[in-house]
Amino acid sequence: MIHARASRLQLAGVLLLLVVLHFYVRPRLWGPRVSPDFLFVGLMLYAMRSGPGAAALAGFLVGLAADALTPARFGAGALAHTVVAYLASWGRAVFFADNLLVNAAFVAVGLWIRDLLVLAVSGTGDRPLLAELAVYSPLQALTSALFALLVLVVFREWFSIRLDA
């Protein structure tokens, strides 16, 4: 009981750190199209450690925050984040979610799928869609996955992650 409470508090602390990084550090990094999406990393770390309902709710809330900050049609981010968080939570039962590389792959693939859903739902034209999905989305997926690896290595005890590949 005490261990579960400490684990939740530790996860909440890491998620709070990611929110601060998203709003303070991310604007000062490279361009917004390739900078790590710290909110999405936090969402994926939470989704892979919770049930599908809680993950979908968290995805919806993160998506609403993303919709408020981006010019895409309102609701596209909420839908995309909800779907991806739900699938990540469900997928952890199929894959080995306690493996470091699997977690990073979940973040990268989830971010690319999120971008695909946001662009498809917001009615982006064919050329911008192709450029985003072929160039910018993979770059942001890579930087976000690398940052997720860093977070998981630094906080590996809190997340109970194996370091064997």
N, C-alpha and C. Protein backbone atom coordinates (compact mmCIF):
# COMPACT_ATOMS: atom_id res chain seq x y z
N MET A 1 0.82 -1.19 0.00
CA MET A 1 0.00 0.00 0.00
C MET A 1 0.86 1.26 0.00
N ILE A 2 1.87 1.29 0.89
CA ILE A 2 2.75 2.45 0.95
C ILE A 2 3.59 2.53 -0.32
N HIS A 3 4.03 1.38 -0.84
CA HIS A 3 4.82 1.37 -2.07
C HIS A 3 4.01 1.89 -3.26
N ALA A 4 2.74 1.52 -3.33
CA ALA A 4 1.88 2.01 -4.42
C ALA A 4 1.68 3.51 -4.33
N ARG A 5 1.52 4.02 -3.12
CA ARG A 5 1.35 5.46 -2.94
C ARG A 5 2.62 6.21 -3.33
N ALA A 6 3.78 5.70 -2.92
CA ALA A 6 5.06 6.32 -3.28
C ALA A 6 5.25 6.27 -4.79
N SER A 7 4.87 5.17 -5.40
CA SER A 7 4.99 5.04 -6.85
C SER A 7 4.12 6.06 -7.57
N ARG A 8 2.92 6.27 -7.10
CA ARG A 8 2.02 7.27 -7.71
C ARG A 8 2.56 8.68 -7.53
N LEU A 9 3.09 8.97 -6.35
CA LEU A 9 3.66 10.30 -6.10
C LEU A 9 4.90 10.53 -6.96
N GLN A 10 5.71 9.50 -7.14
CA GLN A 10 6.89 9.63 -7.98
C GLN A 10 6.50 9.87 -9.42
N LEU A 11 5.51 9.12 -9.91
CA LEU A 11 5.03 9.31 -11.28
C LEU A 11 4.44 10.72 -11.44
N ALA A 12 3.69 11.17 -10.45
CA ALA A 12 3.13 12.53 -10.51
C ALA A 12 4.24 13.57 -10.53
N GLY A 13 5.31 13.34 -9.79
CA GLY A 13 6.44 14.26 -9.80
C GLY A 13 7.12 14.33 -11.15
N VAL A 14 7.30 13.18 -11.79
CA VAL A 14 7.91 13.15 -13.12
C VAL A 14 6.99 13.83 -14.13
N LEU A 15 5.69 13.59 -14.05
CA LEU A 15 4.74 14.22 -14.97
C LEU A 15 4.72 15.73 -14.78
N LEU A 16 4.79 16.20 -13.55
CA LEU A 16 4.85 17.63 -13.30
C LEU A 16 6.14 18.23 -13.88
N LEU A 17 7.25 17.53 -13.75
CA LEU A 17 8.51 17.98 -14.34
C LEU A 17 8.38 18.09 -15.87
N LEU A 18 7.71 17.13 -16.48
CA LEU A 18 7.53 17.15 -17.93
C LEU A 18 6.65 18.32 -18.37
N VAL A 19 5.64 18.66 -17.58
CA VAL A 19 4.80 19.81 -17.91
C VAL A 19 5.62 21.10 -17.85
N VAL A 20 6.44 21.23 -16.82
CA VAL A 20 7.31 22.41 -16.70
C VAL A 20 8.27 22.47 -17.89
N LEU A 21 8.87 21.34 -18.24
CA LEU A 21 9.78 21.31 -19.39
C LEU A 21 9.06 21.69 -20.68
N HIS A 22 7.82 21.25 -20.82
CA HIS A 22 7.08 21.53 -22.05
C HIS A 22 6.84 23.03 -22.23
N PHE A 23 6.53 23.71 -21.17
CA PHE A 23 6.19 25.13 -21.29
C PHE A 23 7.38 26.07 -21.06
N TYR A 24 8.45 25.57 -20.44
CA TYR A 24 9.59 26.45 -20.19
C TYR A 24 10.78 26.14 -21.11
N VAL A 25 11.09 24.88 -21.31
CA VAL A 25 12.29 24.51 -22.09
C VAL A 25 11.97 24.36 -23.57
N ARG A 26 10.86 23.74 -23.90
CA ARG A 26 10.55 23.45 -25.31
C ARG A 26 10.54 24.68 -26.21
N PRO A 27 9.99 25.82 -25.78
CA PRO A 27 10.03 26.99 -26.66
C PRO A 27 11.45 27.50 -26.92
N ARG A 28 12.40 27.14 -26.07
CA ARG A 28 13.77 27.61 -26.23
C ARG A 28 14.65 26.62 -26.98
N LEU A 29 14.12 25.46 -27.29
CA LEU A 29 14.86 24.47 -28.07
C LEU A 29 14.70 24.78 -29.55
N TRP A 30 15.06 23.84 -30.40
CA TRP A 30 14.97 24.00 -31.84
C TRP A 30 13.59 24.49 -32.23
N GLY A 31 13.16 24.24 -33.40
CA GLY A 31 11.82 24.63 -33.83
C GLY A 31 10.77 23.75 -33.18
N PRO A 32 9.53 24.24 -33.09
CA PRO A 32 8.48 23.44 -32.44
C PRO A 32 8.13 22.17 -33.20
N ARG A 33 8.48 22.09 -34.47
CA ARG A 33 8.16 20.89 -35.25
C ARG A 33 9.07 19.72 -34.93
N VAL A 34 10.27 19.98 -34.38
CA VAL A 34 11.21 18.89 -34.11
C VAL A 34 11.58 18.78 -32.63
N SER A 35 11.19 19.74 -31.81
CA SER A 35 11.48 19.65 -30.38
C SER A 35 10.68 18.52 -29.75
N PRO A 36 11.24 17.90 -28.72
CA PRO A 36 10.48 16.82 -28.06
C PRO A 36 9.17 17.35 -27.50
N ASP A 37 8.14 16.57 -27.62
CA ASP A 37 6.83 16.92 -27.07
C ASP A 37 6.76 16.33 -25.66
N PHE A 38 7.13 17.13 -24.68
CA PHE A 38 7.22 16.64 -23.31
C PHE A 38 5.86 16.22 -22.75
N LEU A 39 4.79 16.92 -23.14
CA LEU A 39 3.46 16.52 -22.69
C LEU A 39 3.09 15.14 -23.23
N PHE A 40 3.45 14.90 -24.48
CA PHE A 40 3.14 13.61 -25.07
C PHE A 40 3.96 12.50 -24.42
N VAL A 41 5.22 12.78 -24.12
CA VAL A 41 6.06 11.78 -23.42
C VAL A 41 5.41 11.44 -22.09
N GLY A 42 4.99 12.46 -21.35
CA GLY A 42 4.33 12.21 -20.07
C GLY A 42 3.04 11.42 -20.23
N LEU A 43 2.27 11.76 -21.25
CA LEU A 43 1.03 11.03 -21.51
C LEU A 43 1.32 9.56 -21.80
N MET A 44 2.31 9.29 -22.62
CA MET A 44 2.63 7.90 -22.96
C MET A 44 3.16 7.13 -21.75
N LEU A 45 3.99 7.77 -20.93
CA LEU A 45 4.49 7.10 -19.73
C LEU A 45 3.33 6.78 -18.78
N TYR A 46 2.38 7.69 -18.68
CA TYR A 46 1.21 7.45 -17.84
C TYR A 46 0.31 6.37 -18.45
N ALA A 47 0.07 6.47 -19.76
CA ALA A 47 -0.85 5.53 -20.42
C ALA A 47 -0.33 4.10 -20.34
N MET A 48 0.96 3.92 -20.45
CA MET A 48 1.52 2.56 -20.41
C MET A 48 1.51 1.98 -19.00
N ARG A 49 1.15 2.77 -18.02
CA ARG A 49 1.13 2.30 -16.64
C ARG A 49 -0.26 2.41 -16.01
N SER A 50 -1.27 2.62 -16.81
CA SER A 50 -2.62 2.75 -16.28
C SER A 50 -3.59 1.95 -17.14
N GLY A 51 -4.82 1.93 -16.74
CA GLY A 51 -5.84 1.23 -17.50
C GLY A 51 -6.29 2.05 -18.70
N PRO A 52 -6.97 1.41 -19.65
CA PRO A 52 -7.40 2.11 -20.86
C PRO A 52 -8.32 3.31 -20.60
N GLY A 53 -9.22 3.21 -19.63
CA GLY A 53 -10.13 4.33 -19.35
C GLY A 53 -9.40 5.54 -18.80
N ALA A 54 -8.52 5.31 -17.84
CA ALA A 54 -7.73 6.41 -17.26
C ALA A 54 -6.80 7.01 -18.31
N ALA A 55 -6.22 6.16 -19.14
CA ALA A 55 -5.33 6.65 -20.20
C ALA A 55 -6.10 7.49 -21.21
N ALA A 56 -7.29 7.04 -21.59
CA ALA A 56 -8.10 7.80 -22.54
C ALA A 56 -8.50 9.15 -21.96
N LEU A 57 -8.86 9.18 -20.69
CA LEU A 57 -9.21 10.45 -20.05
C LEU A 57 -8.00 11.39 -20.01
N ALA A 58 -6.84 10.87 -19.65
CA ALA A 58 -5.63 11.68 -19.64
C ALA A 58 -5.31 12.17 -21.05
N GLY A 59 -5.48 11.31 -22.04
CA GLY A 59 -5.25 11.71 -23.43
C GLY A 59 -6.19 12.81 -23.86
N PHE A 60 -7.43 12.72 -23.44
CA PHE A 60 -8.41 13.75 -23.77
C PHE A 60 -8.01 15.10 -23.17
N LEU A 61 -7.57 15.09 -21.91
CA LEU A 61 -7.18 16.33 -21.24
C LEU A 61 -5.92 16.93 -21.88
N VAL A 62 -4.94 16.09 -22.18
CA VAL A 62 -3.72 16.58 -22.85
C VAL A 62 -4.08 17.09 -24.24
N GLY A 63 -4.99 16.40 -24.92
CA GLY A 63 -5.43 16.84 -26.24
C GLY A 63 -6.14 18.18 -26.21
N LEU A 64 -6.96 18.40 -25.19
CA LEU A 64 -7.60 19.71 -25.05
C LEU A 64 -6.56 20.82 -24.85
N ALA A 65 -5.54 20.52 -24.04
CA ALA A 65 -4.46 21.51 -23.84
C ALA A 65 -3.72 21.75 -25.16
N ALA A 66 -3.48 20.70 -25.92
CA ALA A 66 -2.80 20.85 -27.21
C ALA A 66 -3.67 21.63 -28.19
N ASP A 67 -4.96 21.39 -28.17
CA ASP A 67 -5.87 22.13 -29.06
C ASP A 67 -5.87 23.62 -28.73
N ALA A 68 -5.75 23.94 -27.47
CA ALA A 68 -5.74 25.35 -27.08
C ALA A 68 -4.45 26.05 -27.53
N LEU A 69 -3.40 25.27 -27.79
CA LEU A 69 -2.09 25.85 -28.13
C LEU A 69 -1.74 25.75 -29.60
N THR A 70 -2.53 25.06 -30.40
CA THR A 70 -2.19 24.86 -31.81
C THR A 70 -3.29 25.40 -32.71
N PRO A 71 -2.93 25.71 -33.96
CA PRO A 71 -3.93 26.26 -34.88
C PRO A 71 -4.81 25.19 -35.56
N ALA A 72 -4.61 23.92 -35.27
CA ALA A 72 -5.43 22.87 -35.88
C ALA A 72 -6.88 23.03 -35.43
N ARG A 73 -7.77 22.43 -36.13
CA ARG A 73 -9.19 22.50 -35.75
C ARG A 73 -9.38 21.99 -34.34
N PHE A 74 -10.18 22.71 -33.58
CA PHE A 74 -10.40 22.35 -32.19
C PHE A 74 -11.06 20.97 -32.13
N GLY A 75 -10.51 20.10 -31.33
CA GLY A 75 -11.02 18.75 -31.17
C GLY A 75 -10.15 17.71 -31.83
N ALA A 76 -9.37 18.10 -32.82
CA ALA A 76 -8.50 17.14 -33.51
C ALA A 76 -7.45 16.58 -32.56
N GLY A 77 -6.84 17.45 -31.78
CA GLY A 77 -5.83 17.01 -30.82
C GLY A 77 -6.43 16.16 -29.71
N ALA A 78 -7.61 16.54 -29.24
CA ALA A 78 -8.28 15.77 -28.19
C ALA A 78 -8.60 14.36 -28.68
N LEU A 79 -9.11 14.26 -29.89
CA LEU A 79 -9.42 12.95 -30.45
C LEU A 79 -8.15 12.12 -30.63
N ALA A 80 -7.12 12.71 -31.22
CA ALA A 80 -5.89 11.98 -31.50
C ALA A 80 -5.20 11.52 -30.21
N HIS A 81 -5.10 12.40 -29.23
CA HIS A 81 -4.46 12.03 -27.97
C HIS A 81 -5.26 10.95 -27.23
N THR A 82 -6.58 11.04 -27.27
CA THR A 82 -7.42 10.04 -26.62
C THR A 82 -7.22 8.67 -27.24
N VAL A 83 -7.24 8.61 -28.56
CA VAL A 83 -7.07 7.33 -29.27
C VAL A 83 -5.69 6.74 -29.00
N VAL A 84 -4.66 7.56 -29.11
CA VAL A 84 -3.29 7.06 -28.93
C VAL A 84 -3.06 6.60 -27.49
N ALA A 85 -3.55 7.35 -26.52
CA ALA A 85 -3.37 6.95 -25.12
C ALA A 85 -4.12 5.64 -24.83
N TYR A 86 -5.31 5.51 -25.36
CA TYR A 86 -6.07 4.27 -25.18
C TYR A 86 -5.32 3.09 -25.79
N LEU A 87 -4.83 3.27 -27.02
CA LEU A 87 -4.09 2.19 -27.69
C LEU A 87 -2.79 1.86 -26.98
N ALA A 88 -2.11 2.86 -26.43
CA ALA A 88 -0.86 2.62 -25.70
C ALA A 88 -1.14 1.82 -24.43
N SER A 89 -2.21 2.15 -23.74
CA SER A 89 -2.57 1.42 -22.53
C SER A 89 -2.94 -0.02 -22.86
N TRP A 90 -3.68 -0.19 -23.91
CA TRP A 90 -4.08 -1.54 -24.32
C TRP A 90 -2.85 -2.31 -24.85
N GLY A 91 -1.98 -1.65 -25.57
CA GLY A 91 -0.82 -2.30 -26.17
C GLY A 91 0.21 -2.77 -25.18
N ARG A 92 0.24 -2.19 -24.00
CA ARG A 92 1.23 -2.62 -23.01
C ARG A 92 0.97 -4.05 -22.57
N ALA A 93 -0.26 -4.51 -22.68
CA ALA A 93 -0.58 -5.89 -22.33
C ALA A 93 -0.05 -6.85 -23.39
N VAL A 94 0.06 -6.39 -24.62
CA VAL A 94 0.51 -7.23 -25.72
C VAL A 94 2.04 -7.25 -25.80
N PHE A 95 2.66 -6.10 -25.57
CA PHE A 95 4.11 -5.98 -25.66
C PHE A 95 4.71 -5.95 -24.26
N PHE A 96 6.00 -5.97 -24.16
CA PHE A 96 6.70 -5.94 -22.88
C PHE A 96 6.92 -4.49 -22.47
N ALA A 97 5.98 -3.93 -21.75
CA ALA A 97 6.02 -2.50 -21.42
C ALA A 97 7.06 -2.15 -20.38
N ASP A 98 7.72 -3.16 -19.79
CA ASP A 98 8.76 -2.83 -18.81
C ASP A 98 10.14 -2.79 -19.46
N ASN A 99 10.21 -2.89 -20.77
CA ASN A 99 11.47 -2.83 -21.49
C ASN A 99 11.72 -1.40 -21.97
N LEU A 100 12.95 -0.94 -21.78
CA LEU A 100 13.32 0.43 -22.11
C LEU A 100 13.10 0.76 -23.58
N LEU A 101 13.53 -0.10 -24.47
CA LEU A 101 13.41 0.15 -25.90
C LEU A 101 11.96 0.09 -26.38
N VAL A 102 11.18 -0.78 -25.78
CA VAL A 102 9.76 -0.85 -26.14
C VAL A 102 9.05 0.43 -25.75
N ASN A 103 9.38 0.98 -24.58
CA ASN A 103 8.79 2.25 -24.15
C ASN A 103 9.14 3.37 -25.13
N ALA A 104 10.39 3.44 -25.54
CA ALA A 104 10.80 4.48 -26.50
C ALA A 104 10.09 4.29 -27.83
N ALA A 105 9.96 3.05 -28.28
CA ALA A 105 9.26 2.78 -29.54
C ALA A 105 7.79 3.17 -29.43
N PHE A 106 7.16 2.91 -28.28
CA PHE A 106 5.77 3.31 -28.07
C PHE A 106 5.62 4.81 -28.22
N VAL A 107 6.56 5.57 -27.65
CA VAL A 107 6.50 7.03 -27.73
C VAL A 107 6.64 7.47 -29.18
N ALA A 108 7.62 6.93 -29.90
CA ALA A 108 7.86 7.35 -31.28
C ALA A 108 6.68 7.00 -32.19
N VAL A 109 6.21 5.78 -32.12
CA VAL A 109 5.09 5.36 -32.97
C VAL A 109 3.81 6.10 -32.57
N GLY A 110 3.60 6.27 -31.28
CA GLY A 110 2.41 6.98 -30.81
C GLY A 110 2.39 8.43 -31.28
N LEU A 111 3.55 9.09 -31.27
CA LEU A 111 3.60 10.47 -31.72
C LEU A 111 3.31 10.56 -33.21
N TRP A 112 3.84 9.64 -33.98
CA TRP A 112 3.58 9.66 -35.42
C TRP A 112 2.10 9.41 -35.71
N ILE A 113 1.50 8.46 -35.01
CA ILE A 113 0.07 8.18 -35.19
C ILE A 113 -0.76 9.39 -34.74
N ARG A 114 -0.37 10.02 -33.65
CA ARG A 114 -1.06 11.23 -33.20
C ARG A 114 -1.04 12.31 -34.28
N ASP A 115 0.14 12.52 -34.86
CA ASP A 115 0.25 13.53 -35.92
C ASP A 115 -0.59 13.16 -37.13
N LEU A 116 -0.60 11.89 -37.49
CA LEU A 116 -1.43 11.43 -38.61
C LEU A 116 -2.89 11.72 -38.34
N LEU A 117 -3.37 11.39 -37.14
CA LEU A 117 -4.78 11.63 -36.81
C LEU A 117 -5.12 13.12 -36.77
N VAL A 118 -4.24 13.92 -36.17
CA VAL A 118 -4.50 15.37 -36.10
C VAL A 118 -4.57 15.96 -37.50
N LEU A 119 -3.63 15.59 -38.36
CA LEU A 119 -3.61 16.14 -39.72
C LEU A 119 -4.80 15.65 -40.53
N ALA A 120 -5.18 14.39 -40.38
CA ALA A 120 -6.31 13.85 -41.13
C ALA A 120 -7.63 14.49 -40.69
N VAL A 121 -7.81 14.64 -39.39
CA VAL A 121 -9.06 15.19 -38.87
C VAL A 121 -9.16 16.69 -39.12
N SER A 122 -8.04 17.39 -39.13
CA SER A 122 -8.09 18.84 -39.30
C SER A 122 -8.17 19.26 -40.76
N GLY A 123 -8.22 18.31 -41.69
CA GLY A 123 -8.43 18.64 -43.09
C GLY A 123 -7.23 19.24 -43.80
N THR A 124 -6.05 18.80 -43.45
CA THR A 124 -4.83 19.29 -44.10
C THR A 124 -4.76 18.75 -45.52
N GLY A 125 -4.25 19.56 -46.43
CA GLY A 125 -4.11 19.14 -47.82
C GLY A 125 -3.07 18.04 -47.99
N ASP A 126 -3.02 17.46 -49.20
CA ASP A 126 -2.14 16.33 -49.44
C ASP A 126 -0.65 16.66 -49.29
N ARG A 127 -0.22 17.77 -49.87
CA ARG A 127 1.21 18.12 -49.80
C ARG A 127 1.67 18.42 -48.37
N PRO A 128 0.97 19.29 -47.66
CA PRO A 128 1.40 19.53 -46.27
C PRO A 128 1.33 18.26 -45.42
N LEU A 129 0.34 17.42 -45.68
CA LEU A 129 0.20 16.17 -44.94
C LEU A 129 1.41 15.28 -45.18
N LEU A 130 1.80 15.14 -46.43
CA LEU A 130 2.95 14.30 -46.77
C LEU A 130 4.24 14.85 -46.18
N ALA A 131 4.44 16.16 -46.25
CA ALA A 131 5.65 16.77 -45.68
C ALA A 131 5.71 16.57 -44.17
N GLU A 132 4.60 16.78 -43.50
CA GLU A 132 4.56 16.61 -42.05
C GLU A 132 4.85 15.17 -41.66
N LEU A 133 4.19 14.22 -42.33
CA LEU A 133 4.32 12.82 -41.95
C LEU A 133 5.64 12.19 -42.38
N ALA A 134 6.26 12.73 -43.43
CA ALA A 134 7.50 12.15 -43.92
C ALA A 134 8.75 12.81 -43.33
N VAL A 135 8.65 14.07 -42.92
CA VAL A 135 9.84 14.79 -42.46
C VAL A 135 9.73 15.20 -41.00
N TYR A 136 8.78 16.07 -40.70
CA TYR A 136 8.74 16.68 -39.37
C TYR A 136 8.26 15.73 -38.28
N SER A 137 7.26 14.94 -38.56
CA SER A 137 6.75 14.02 -37.55
C SER A 137 7.78 12.97 -37.15
N PRO A 138 8.49 12.34 -38.10
CA PRO A 138 9.54 11.40 -37.67
C PRO A 138 10.66 12.06 -36.87
N LEU A 139 11.02 13.31 -37.22
CA LEU A 139 12.04 14.00 -36.44
C LEU A 139 11.58 14.27 -35.01
N GLN A 140 10.34 14.73 -34.87
CA GLN A 140 9.81 14.97 -33.53
C GLN A 140 9.62 13.65 -32.78
N ALA A 141 9.24 12.60 -33.48
CA ALA A 141 9.10 11.29 -32.84
C ALA A 141 10.45 10.80 -32.33
N LEU A 142 11.50 11.02 -33.11
CA LEU A 142 12.84 10.61 -32.70
C LEU A 142 13.31 11.40 -31.48
N THR A 143 13.17 12.72 -31.51
CA THR A 143 13.62 13.52 -30.36
C THR A 143 12.79 13.21 -29.11
N SER A 144 11.50 12.97 -29.28
CA SER A 144 10.66 12.64 -28.13
C SER A 144 11.01 11.27 -27.57
N ALA A 145 11.28 10.30 -28.45
CA ALA A 145 11.66 8.97 -28.00
C ALA A 145 13.01 9.00 -27.28
N LEU A 146 13.95 9.78 -27.79
CA LEU A 146 15.25 9.90 -27.12
C LEU A 146 15.10 10.55 -25.75
N PHE A 147 14.25 11.56 -25.66
CA PHE A 147 14.02 12.18 -24.36
C PHE A 147 13.31 11.20 -23.42
N ALA A 148 12.37 10.41 -23.93
CA ALA A 148 11.70 9.41 -23.11
C ALA A 148 12.72 8.40 -22.58
N LEU A 149 13.68 8.01 -23.43
CA LEU A 149 14.75 7.11 -22.97
C LEU A 149 15.53 7.74 -21.82
N LEU A 150 15.85 9.01 -21.97
CA LEU A 150 16.58 9.72 -20.91
C LEU A 150 15.78 9.72 -19.60
N VAL A 151 14.50 10.05 -19.68
CA VAL A 151 13.64 10.06 -18.49
C VAL A 151 13.58 8.68 -17.87
N LEU A 152 13.43 7.65 -18.68
CA LEU A 152 13.32 6.30 -18.15
C LEU A 152 14.62 5.81 -17.54
N VAL A 153 15.75 6.22 -18.10
CA VAL A 153 17.04 5.82 -17.51
C VAL A 153 17.26 6.55 -16.19
N VAL A 154 16.97 7.85 -16.16
CA VAL A 154 17.18 8.63 -14.94
C VAL A 154 16.24 8.16 -13.82
N PHE A 155 15.00 7.86 -14.16
CA PHE A 155 14.01 7.45 -13.16
C PHE A 155 13.67 5.96 -13.27
N ARG A 156 14.62 5.14 -13.67
CA ARG A 156 14.34 3.71 -13.90
C ARG A 156 13.84 2.98 -12.66
N GLU A 157 14.31 3.37 -11.50
CA GLU A 157 13.83 2.72 -10.28
C GLU A 157 12.35 3.02 -10.04
N TRP A 158 11.94 4.22 -10.36
CA TRP A 158 10.54 4.63 -10.14
C TRP A 158 9.61 3.96 -11.13
N PHE A 159 10.11 3.71 -12.35
CA PHE A 159 9.27 3.13 -13.38
C PHE A 159 9.44 1.62 -13.50
N SER A 160 10.36 1.03 -12.75
CA SER A 160 10.64 -0.42 -12.78
C SER A 160 10.93 -0.88 -14.21
N ILE A 161 11.89 -0.22 -14.84
CA ILE A 161 12.25 -0.52 -16.22
C ILE A 161 13.51 -1.37 -16.23
N ARG A 162 13.50 -2.40 -17.05
CA ARG A 162 14.71 -3.22 -17.26
C ARG A 162 15.61 -2.50 -18.25
N LEU A 163 16.90 -2.60 -18.05
CA LEU A 163 17.84 -1.95 -18.96
C LEU A 163 18.42 -2.92 -19.98
N ASP A 164 18.00 -4.18 -19.94
CA ASP A 164 18.49 -5.11 -20.97
C ASP A 164 17.67 -4.89 -22.24
N ALA A 165 18.34 -4.93 -23.36
CA ALA A 165 17.66 -4.69 -24.64
C ALA A 165 17.16 -5.96 -25.17
